[in-house]
Amino acid sequence: MKIQQLSIFLENTAGRLYDIVSVLGKAGINIRALSLADTAEFGILRLIVDKVDKAYEELKKSQHTVSITEVIAVEVEDRPGGLAEVLEKFADNDINVEYMYAFVEKKYDNAVLIFRIEDIEAAVDVLKKAGVKMIDHQRLLEL
């Protein structure tokens, strides 16, 4: 149950984030989730979009540095301890989370957790065995 995420390197300058989202908007690409991590000089924008390949092509055409990364999306009940239960499965199986971000979806009142994992295959196996609900790209777009 892996999904594709765009990772875009950007300089930390005024208007740079606008440039990226403008390219996507003009191409009819919908952003479903995002995370922005930055330093004084640069940032990495991580996006889940509805049309990954088209977004990648459009960003490349407009001279942005972009790559596609595999991540896992997990859906949990939006309540205290929901995230801890998933992280416990990883900790118990010595699986390292490189980074994560989350959002609350309105349709079912659940939280969606996006994980970048060092060993993604092992993480998927652990989550399946534990009965944790992973979601694919299409389901993510429906939320």
N, C-alpha and C. Protein backbone atom coordinates (compact mmCIF):
# COMPACT_ATOMS: atom_id res chain seq x y z
N MET A 1 0.82 -1.19 0.00
CA MET A 1 0.00 0.00 0.00
C MET A 1 0.86 1.26 0.00
N LYS A 2 1.79 1.32 -0.90
CA LYS A 2 2.63 2.51 -1.00
C LYS A 2 1.96 3.53 -1.91
N ILE A 3 2.22 4.79 -1.62
CA ILE A 3 1.74 5.86 -2.49
C ILE A 3 2.93 6.72 -2.89
N GLN A 4 2.73 7.51 -3.93
CA GLN A 4 3.81 8.35 -4.42
C GLN A 4 3.64 9.78 -3.93
N GLN A 5 4.76 10.34 -3.53
CA GLN A 5 4.81 11.71 -3.03
C GLN A 5 5.83 12.48 -3.87
N LEU A 6 5.54 13.72 -4.16
CA LEU A 6 6.51 14.58 -4.82
C LEU A 6 7.35 15.28 -3.76
N SER A 7 8.64 15.32 -3.96
CA SER A 7 9.55 16.08 -3.10
C SER A 7 10.20 17.14 -3.97
N ILE A 8 10.03 18.40 -3.60
CA ILE A 8 10.52 19.51 -4.40
C ILE A 8 11.50 20.32 -3.56
N PHE A 9 12.70 20.49 -4.10
CA PHE A 9 13.71 21.32 -3.45
C PHE A 9 13.46 22.76 -3.86
N LEU A 10 13.44 23.66 -2.89
CA LEU A 10 13.23 25.07 -3.24
C LEU A 10 14.08 25.98 -2.38
N GLU A 11 14.51 27.05 -3.02
CA GLU A 11 15.25 28.07 -2.29
C GLU A 11 14.28 28.78 -1.35
N ASN A 12 14.79 29.18 -0.20
CA ASN A 12 13.97 29.89 0.77
C ASN A 12 13.97 31.38 0.43
N THR A 13 13.21 31.71 -0.65
CA THR A 13 13.09 33.11 -1.10
C THR A 13 11.62 33.43 -1.33
N ALA A 14 11.32 34.71 -1.27
CA ALA A 14 9.94 35.16 -1.45
C ALA A 14 9.42 34.73 -2.82
N GLY A 15 8.21 34.17 -2.84
CA GLY A 15 7.56 33.81 -4.08
C GLY A 15 7.87 32.43 -4.62
N ARG A 16 8.86 31.77 -4.06
CA ARG A 16 9.27 30.45 -4.59
C ARG A 16 8.17 29.41 -4.38
N LEU A 17 7.56 29.39 -3.22
CA LEU A 17 6.46 28.45 -2.95
C LEU A 17 5.28 28.75 -3.88
N TYR A 18 4.99 30.02 -4.07
CA TYR A 18 3.92 30.41 -4.99
C TYR A 18 4.20 29.88 -6.40
N ASP A 19 5.45 30.00 -6.86
CA ASP A 19 5.81 29.51 -8.19
C ASP A 19 5.40 28.05 -8.37
N ILE A 20 5.68 27.25 -7.38
CA ILE A 20 5.40 25.81 -7.47
C ILE A 20 3.90 25.54 -7.49
N VAL A 21 3.17 26.10 -6.53
CA VAL A 21 1.74 25.82 -6.47
C VAL A 21 1.00 26.45 -7.65
N SER A 22 1.54 27.52 -8.19
CA SER A 22 0.95 28.14 -9.37
C SER A 22 1.09 27.23 -10.59
N VAL A 23 2.24 26.64 -10.77
CA VAL A 23 2.46 25.68 -11.87
C VAL A 23 1.46 24.55 -11.77
N LEU A 24 1.29 24.02 -10.58
CA LEU A 24 0.36 22.90 -10.38
C LEU A 24 -1.07 23.33 -10.61
N GLY A 25 -1.46 24.47 -10.09
CA GLY A 25 -2.82 24.96 -10.26
C GLY A 25 -3.17 25.19 -11.72
N LYS A 26 -2.27 25.80 -12.46
CA LYS A 26 -2.50 26.06 -13.88
C LYS A 26 -2.61 24.76 -14.68
N ALA A 27 -1.97 23.70 -14.19
CA ALA A 27 -2.02 22.40 -14.88
C ALA A 27 -3.22 21.57 -14.43
N GLY A 28 -4.04 22.12 -13.53
CA GLY A 28 -5.22 21.39 -13.07
C GLY A 28 -4.91 20.27 -12.09
N ILE A 29 -3.84 20.42 -11.35
CA ILE A 29 -3.40 19.39 -10.39
C ILE A 29 -3.82 19.82 -8.99
N ASN A 30 -4.50 18.92 -8.28
CA ASN A 30 -5.00 19.20 -6.94
C ASN A 30 -4.03 18.68 -5.89
N ILE A 31 -3.68 19.51 -4.94
CA ILE A 31 -2.82 19.12 -3.82
C ILE A 31 -3.72 18.56 -2.73
N ARG A 32 -3.45 17.34 -2.29
CA ARG A 32 -4.25 16.69 -1.26
C ARG A 32 -3.61 16.79 0.12
N ALA A 33 -2.29 16.83 0.16
CA ALA A 33 -1.58 16.97 1.44
C ALA A 33 -0.22 17.59 1.15
N LEU A 34 0.31 18.29 2.14
CA LEU A 34 1.65 18.86 1.95
C LEU A 34 2.36 19.03 3.27
N SER A 35 3.68 19.08 3.14
CA SER A 35 4.55 19.35 4.27
C SER A 35 5.70 20.20 3.75
N LEU A 36 6.09 21.19 4.51
CA LEU A 36 7.21 22.03 4.12
C LEU A 36 8.19 22.09 5.28
N ALA A 37 9.41 21.66 5.01
CA ALA A 37 10.48 21.74 6.00
C ALA A 37 11.53 22.68 5.43
N ASP A 38 12.03 23.58 6.26
CA ASP A 38 12.97 24.54 5.72
C ASP A 38 14.12 24.83 6.65
N THR A 39 15.16 25.44 6.06
CA THR A 39 16.28 26.02 6.79
C THR A 39 16.35 27.46 6.33
N ALA A 40 17.38 28.16 6.72
CA ALA A 40 17.50 29.56 6.31
C ALA A 40 17.69 29.70 4.80
N GLU A 41 18.31 28.71 4.16
CA GLU A 41 18.63 28.82 2.73
C GLU A 41 17.70 28.06 1.79
N PHE A 42 17.16 26.93 2.22
CA PHE A 42 16.36 26.11 1.31
C PHE A 42 15.28 25.36 2.07
N GLY A 43 14.38 24.77 1.31
CA GLY A 43 13.32 23.97 1.90
C GLY A 43 13.03 22.75 1.03
N ILE A 44 12.31 21.82 1.60
CA ILE A 44 11.81 20.67 0.84
C ILE A 44 10.31 20.64 1.03
N LEU A 45 9.62 20.77 -0.08
CA LEU A 45 8.17 20.72 -0.11
C LEU A 45 7.77 19.30 -0.51
N ARG A 46 6.96 18.68 0.32
CA ARG A 46 6.48 17.32 0.03
C ARG A 46 4.99 17.40 -0.23
N LEU A 47 4.56 16.82 -1.35
CA LEU A 47 3.18 16.92 -1.77
C LEU A 47 2.59 15.57 -2.15
N ILE A 48 1.35 15.38 -1.79
CA ILE A 48 0.54 14.29 -2.33
C ILE A 48 -0.44 14.99 -3.27
N VAL A 49 -0.44 14.60 -4.53
CA VAL A 49 -1.29 15.25 -5.53
C VAL A 49 -2.13 14.20 -6.25
N ASP A 50 -3.15 14.68 -6.96
CA ASP A 50 -4.03 13.74 -7.65
C ASP A 50 -3.44 13.19 -8.95
N LYS A 51 -2.52 13.91 -9.59
CA LYS A 51 -1.93 13.48 -10.86
C LYS A 51 -0.41 13.55 -10.74
N VAL A 52 0.17 12.52 -10.17
CA VAL A 52 1.60 12.53 -9.84
C VAL A 52 2.47 12.72 -11.07
N ASP A 53 2.26 11.91 -12.10
CA ASP A 53 3.12 11.98 -13.29
C ASP A 53 3.03 13.34 -13.98
N LYS A 54 1.83 13.85 -14.11
CA LYS A 54 1.64 15.16 -14.75
C LYS A 54 2.30 16.25 -13.92
N ALA A 55 2.14 16.20 -12.60
CA ALA A 55 2.77 17.20 -11.72
C ALA A 55 4.29 17.15 -11.86
N TYR A 56 4.83 15.95 -11.88
CA TYR A 56 6.28 15.78 -12.03
C TYR A 56 6.76 16.43 -13.33
N GLU A 57 6.07 16.12 -14.43
CA GLU A 57 6.44 16.67 -15.74
C GLU A 57 6.35 18.19 -15.76
N GLU A 58 5.27 18.74 -15.22
CA GLU A 58 5.08 20.19 -15.22
C GLU A 58 6.14 20.89 -14.38
N LEU A 59 6.48 20.32 -13.24
CA LEU A 59 7.50 20.93 -12.39
C LEU A 59 8.88 20.85 -13.03
N LYS A 60 9.18 19.74 -13.67
CA LYS A 60 10.46 19.61 -14.38
C LYS A 60 10.53 20.64 -15.52
N LYS A 61 9.43 20.76 -16.27
CA LYS A 61 9.37 21.72 -17.39
C LYS A 61 9.62 23.14 -16.92
N SER A 62 9.18 23.45 -15.72
CA SER A 62 9.33 24.81 -15.19
C SER A 62 10.62 24.96 -14.36
N GLN A 63 11.55 24.04 -14.57
CA GLN A 63 12.90 24.12 -13.99
C GLN A 63 12.96 23.94 -12.48
N HIS A 64 12.03 23.18 -11.90
CA HIS A 64 12.08 22.87 -10.48
C HIS A 64 12.78 21.54 -10.27
N THR A 65 13.46 21.42 -9.15
CA THR A 65 14.12 20.16 -8.79
C THR A 65 13.11 19.31 -8.04
N VAL A 66 12.67 18.21 -8.65
CA VAL A 66 11.59 17.40 -8.09
C VAL A 66 11.94 15.92 -8.22
N SER A 67 11.50 15.15 -7.25
CA SER A 67 11.64 13.69 -7.31
C SER A 67 10.36 13.05 -6.78
N ILE A 68 10.20 11.78 -7.11
CA ILE A 68 9.06 11.01 -6.62
C ILE A 68 9.57 10.04 -5.57
N THR A 69 8.90 10.02 -4.43
CA THR A 69 9.29 9.20 -3.30
C THR A 69 8.11 8.33 -2.89
N GLU A 70 8.39 7.10 -2.47
CA GLU A 70 7.32 6.25 -1.96
C GLU A 70 7.14 6.47 -0.46
N VAL A 71 5.87 6.59 -0.07
CA VAL A 71 5.51 6.76 1.33
C VAL A 71 4.34 5.83 1.65
N ILE A 72 4.00 5.73 2.90
CA ILE A 72 2.85 4.94 3.34
C ILE A 72 1.82 5.89 3.92
N ALA A 73 0.56 5.66 3.60
CA ALA A 73 -0.53 6.44 4.18
C ALA A 73 -1.36 5.51 5.07
N VAL A 74 -1.56 5.91 6.29
CA VAL A 74 -2.29 5.12 7.27
C VAL A 74 -3.48 5.94 7.75
N GLU A 75 -4.63 5.30 7.86
CA GLU A 75 -5.82 5.98 8.36
C GLU A 75 -6.13 5.46 9.75
N VAL A 76 -6.25 6.37 10.70
CA VAL A 76 -6.56 6.00 12.08
C VAL A 76 -7.70 6.88 12.59
N GLU A 77 -8.36 6.38 13.59
CA GLU A 77 -9.41 7.17 14.23
C GLU A 77 -8.79 8.42 14.82
N ASP A 78 -9.44 9.57 14.63
CA ASP A 78 -8.94 10.84 15.14
C ASP A 78 -9.28 10.95 16.62
N ARG A 79 -8.35 10.46 17.45
CA ARG A 79 -8.55 10.46 18.90
C ARG A 79 -7.19 10.42 19.57
N PRO A 80 -7.11 10.79 20.83
CA PRO A 80 -5.85 10.71 21.55
C PRO A 80 -5.31 9.27 21.53
N GLY A 81 -4.03 9.14 21.20
CA GLY A 81 -3.38 7.83 21.20
C GLY A 81 -3.39 7.12 19.85
N GLY A 82 -4.11 7.63 18.86
CA GLY A 82 -4.16 6.99 17.55
C GLY A 82 -2.79 6.90 16.90
N LEU A 83 -2.07 7.99 16.88
CA LEU A 83 -0.71 8.00 16.32
C LEU A 83 0.21 7.11 17.14
N ALA A 84 0.12 7.16 18.44
CA ALA A 84 0.99 6.34 19.30
C ALA A 84 0.83 4.85 19.01
N GLU A 85 -0.38 4.41 18.72
CA GLU A 85 -0.60 2.99 18.42
C GLU A 85 0.13 2.55 17.17
N VAL A 86 0.16 3.41 16.16
CA VAL A 86 0.88 3.07 14.93
C VAL A 86 2.39 3.11 15.19
N LEU A 87 2.86 4.16 15.85
CA LEU A 87 4.29 4.28 16.13
C LEU A 87 4.80 3.14 17.02
N GLU A 88 3.94 2.63 17.88
CA GLU A 88 4.31 1.49 18.72
C GLU A 88 4.66 0.27 17.87
N LYS A 89 3.89 0.05 16.80
CA LYS A 89 4.15 -1.09 15.91
C LYS A 89 5.53 -0.94 15.27
N PHE A 90 5.86 0.28 14.86
CA PHE A 90 7.17 0.51 14.28
C PHE A 90 8.28 0.32 15.32
N ALA A 91 8.09 0.90 16.51
CA ALA A 91 9.11 0.79 17.56
C ALA A 91 9.35 -0.66 17.96
N ASP A 92 8.27 -1.43 18.11
CA ASP A 92 8.38 -2.83 18.50
C ASP A 92 9.10 -3.67 17.45
N ASN A 93 9.14 -3.19 16.22
CA ASN A 93 9.77 -3.95 15.13
C ASN A 93 11.01 -3.25 14.59
N ASP A 94 11.55 -2.30 15.37
CA ASP A 94 12.79 -1.61 15.03
C ASP A 94 12.74 -0.95 13.65
N ILE A 95 11.61 -0.32 13.34
CA ILE A 95 11.43 0.37 12.06
C ILE A 95 11.56 1.86 12.31
N ASN A 96 12.46 2.49 11.54
CA ASN A 96 12.75 3.90 11.71
C ASN A 96 11.86 4.76 10.81
N VAL A 97 11.24 5.77 11.39
CA VAL A 97 10.46 6.75 10.64
C VAL A 97 11.39 7.91 10.30
N GLU A 98 11.60 8.14 9.01
CA GLU A 98 12.47 9.24 8.59
C GLU A 98 11.77 10.59 8.79
N TYR A 99 10.51 10.65 8.39
CA TYR A 99 9.69 11.83 8.64
C TYR A 99 8.24 11.44 8.46
N MET A 100 7.35 12.30 8.92
CA MET A 100 5.92 12.07 8.75
C MET A 100 5.18 13.40 8.80
N TYR A 101 3.99 13.38 8.29
CA TYR A 101 3.06 14.49 8.43
C TYR A 101 1.66 13.92 8.43
N ALA A 102 0.70 14.71 8.81
CA ALA A 102 -0.66 14.18 8.96
C ALA A 102 -1.69 15.25 8.64
N PHE A 103 -2.91 14.80 8.40
CA PHE A 103 -4.04 15.70 8.24
C PHE A 103 -5.29 14.97 8.69
N VAL A 104 -6.32 15.72 9.00
CA VAL A 104 -7.60 15.13 9.38
C VAL A 104 -8.52 15.24 8.19
N GLU A 105 -9.09 14.11 7.80
CA GLU A 105 -10.02 14.13 6.67
C GLU A 105 -11.44 14.28 7.21
N LYS A 106 -12.23 15.03 6.46
CA LYS A 106 -13.57 15.39 6.92
C LYS A 106 -14.61 14.31 6.69
N LYS A 107 -14.44 13.53 5.65
CA LYS A 107 -15.48 12.59 5.24
C LYS A 107 -15.80 11.56 6.32
N TYR A 108 -14.76 11.00 6.95
CA TYR A 108 -14.97 9.95 7.94
C TYR A 108 -14.49 10.33 9.33
N ASP A 109 -14.02 11.57 9.49
CA ASP A 109 -13.52 12.05 10.78
C ASP A 109 -12.33 11.24 11.30
N ASN A 110 -11.46 10.84 10.38
CA ASN A 110 -10.26 10.10 10.75
C ASN A 110 -9.03 10.96 10.47
N ALA A 111 -7.91 10.55 11.03
CA ALA A 111 -6.64 11.19 10.72
C ALA A 111 -5.92 10.33 9.69
N VAL A 112 -5.21 10.98 8.79
CA VAL A 112 -4.39 10.28 7.81
C VAL A 112 -2.95 10.63 8.12
N LEU A 113 -2.13 9.61 8.30
CA LEU A 113 -0.73 9.77 8.64
C LEU A 113 0.11 9.36 7.44
N ILE A 114 1.00 10.22 7.01
CA ILE A 114 1.89 9.93 5.89
C ILE A 114 3.28 9.69 6.47
N PHE A 115 3.85 8.51 6.19
CA PHE A 115 5.15 8.13 6.73
C PHE A 115 6.15 7.89 5.62
N ARG A 116 7.35 8.41 5.79
CA ARG A 116 8.50 8.01 4.98
C ARG A 116 9.33 7.13 5.90
N ILE A 117 9.52 5.90 5.46
CA ILE A 117 10.15 4.88 6.30
C ILE A 117 11.45 4.42 5.65
N GLU A 118 12.43 4.15 6.49
CA GLU A 118 13.72 3.65 6.02
C GLU A 118 13.55 2.35 5.24
N ASP A 119 12.84 1.39 5.81
CA ASP A 119 12.58 0.10 5.14
C ASP A 119 11.07 -0.02 4.92
N ILE A 120 10.62 0.48 3.80
CA ILE A 120 9.18 0.59 3.54
C ILE A 120 8.51 -0.78 3.43
N GLU A 121 9.20 -1.76 2.87
CA GLU A 121 8.61 -3.10 2.73
C GLU A 121 8.36 -3.73 4.10
N ALA A 122 9.32 -3.59 5.00
CA ALA A 122 9.16 -4.12 6.36
C ALA A 122 8.02 -3.41 7.07
N ALA A 123 7.92 -2.11 6.88
CA ALA A 123 6.85 -1.35 7.53
C ALA A 123 5.48 -1.79 7.04
N VAL A 124 5.33 -1.97 5.73
CA VAL A 124 4.06 -2.42 5.17
C VAL A 124 3.70 -3.78 5.75
N ASP A 125 4.67 -4.68 5.83
CA ASP A 125 4.43 -6.02 6.38
C ASP A 125 3.97 -5.94 7.84
N VAL A 126 4.64 -5.13 8.64
CA VAL A 126 4.29 -4.98 10.06
C VAL A 126 2.87 -4.42 10.21
N LEU A 127 2.55 -3.42 9.43
CA LEU A 127 1.22 -2.81 9.53
C LEU A 127 0.12 -3.78 9.09
N LYS A 128 0.39 -4.54 8.03
CA LYS A 128 -0.59 -5.55 7.59
C LYS A 128 -0.85 -6.58 8.68
N LYS A 129 0.23 -7.10 9.25
CA LYS A 129 0.11 -8.12 10.30
C LYS A 129 -0.63 -7.58 11.53
N ALA A 130 -0.46 -6.29 11.79
CA ALA A 130 -1.09 -5.68 12.96
C ALA A 130 -2.53 -5.23 12.68
N GLY A 131 -2.95 -5.35 11.44
CA GLY A 131 -4.31 -4.95 11.07
C GLY A 131 -4.51 -3.45 10.99
N VAL A 132 -3.43 -2.71 10.82
CA VAL A 132 -3.52 -1.26 10.69
C VAL A 132 -4.00 -0.92 9.28
N LYS A 133 -4.93 0.00 9.18
CA LYS A 133 -5.55 0.34 7.91
C LYS A 133 -4.65 1.27 7.10
N MET A 134 -4.06 0.72 6.04
CA MET A 134 -3.30 1.54 5.11
C MET A 134 -4.22 1.90 3.95
N ILE A 135 -3.94 3.02 3.34
CA ILE A 135 -4.78 3.43 2.21
C ILE A 135 -3.92 3.66 0.98
N ASP A 136 -4.49 3.38 -0.17
CA ASP A 136 -3.76 3.58 -1.41
C ASP A 136 -4.02 4.98 -1.95
N HIS A 137 -3.36 5.28 -3.06
CA HIS A 137 -3.44 6.63 -3.63
C HIS A 137 -4.87 7.01 -4.00
N GLN A 138 -5.60 6.09 -4.60
CA GLN A 138 -6.96 6.38 -5.03
C GLN A 138 -7.86 6.69 -3.82
N ARG A 139 -7.73 5.91 -2.77
CA ARG A 139 -8.53 6.16 -1.55
C ARG A 139 -8.17 7.52 -0.95
N LEU A 140 -6.90 7.85 -0.98
CA LEU A 140 -6.46 9.13 -0.44
C LEU A 140 -7.11 10.28 -1.20
N LEU A 141 -7.24 10.13 -2.50
CA LEU A 141 -7.86 11.18 -3.31
C LEU A 141 -9.35 11.33 -3.05
N GLU A 142 -9.98 10.26 -2.58
CA GLU A 142 -11.42 10.27 -2.32
C GLU A 142 -11.79 10.91 -0.99
N LEU A 143 -10.82 11.09 -0.13
CA LEU A 143 -11.11 11.62 1.21
C LEU A 143 -11.43 13.10 1.16
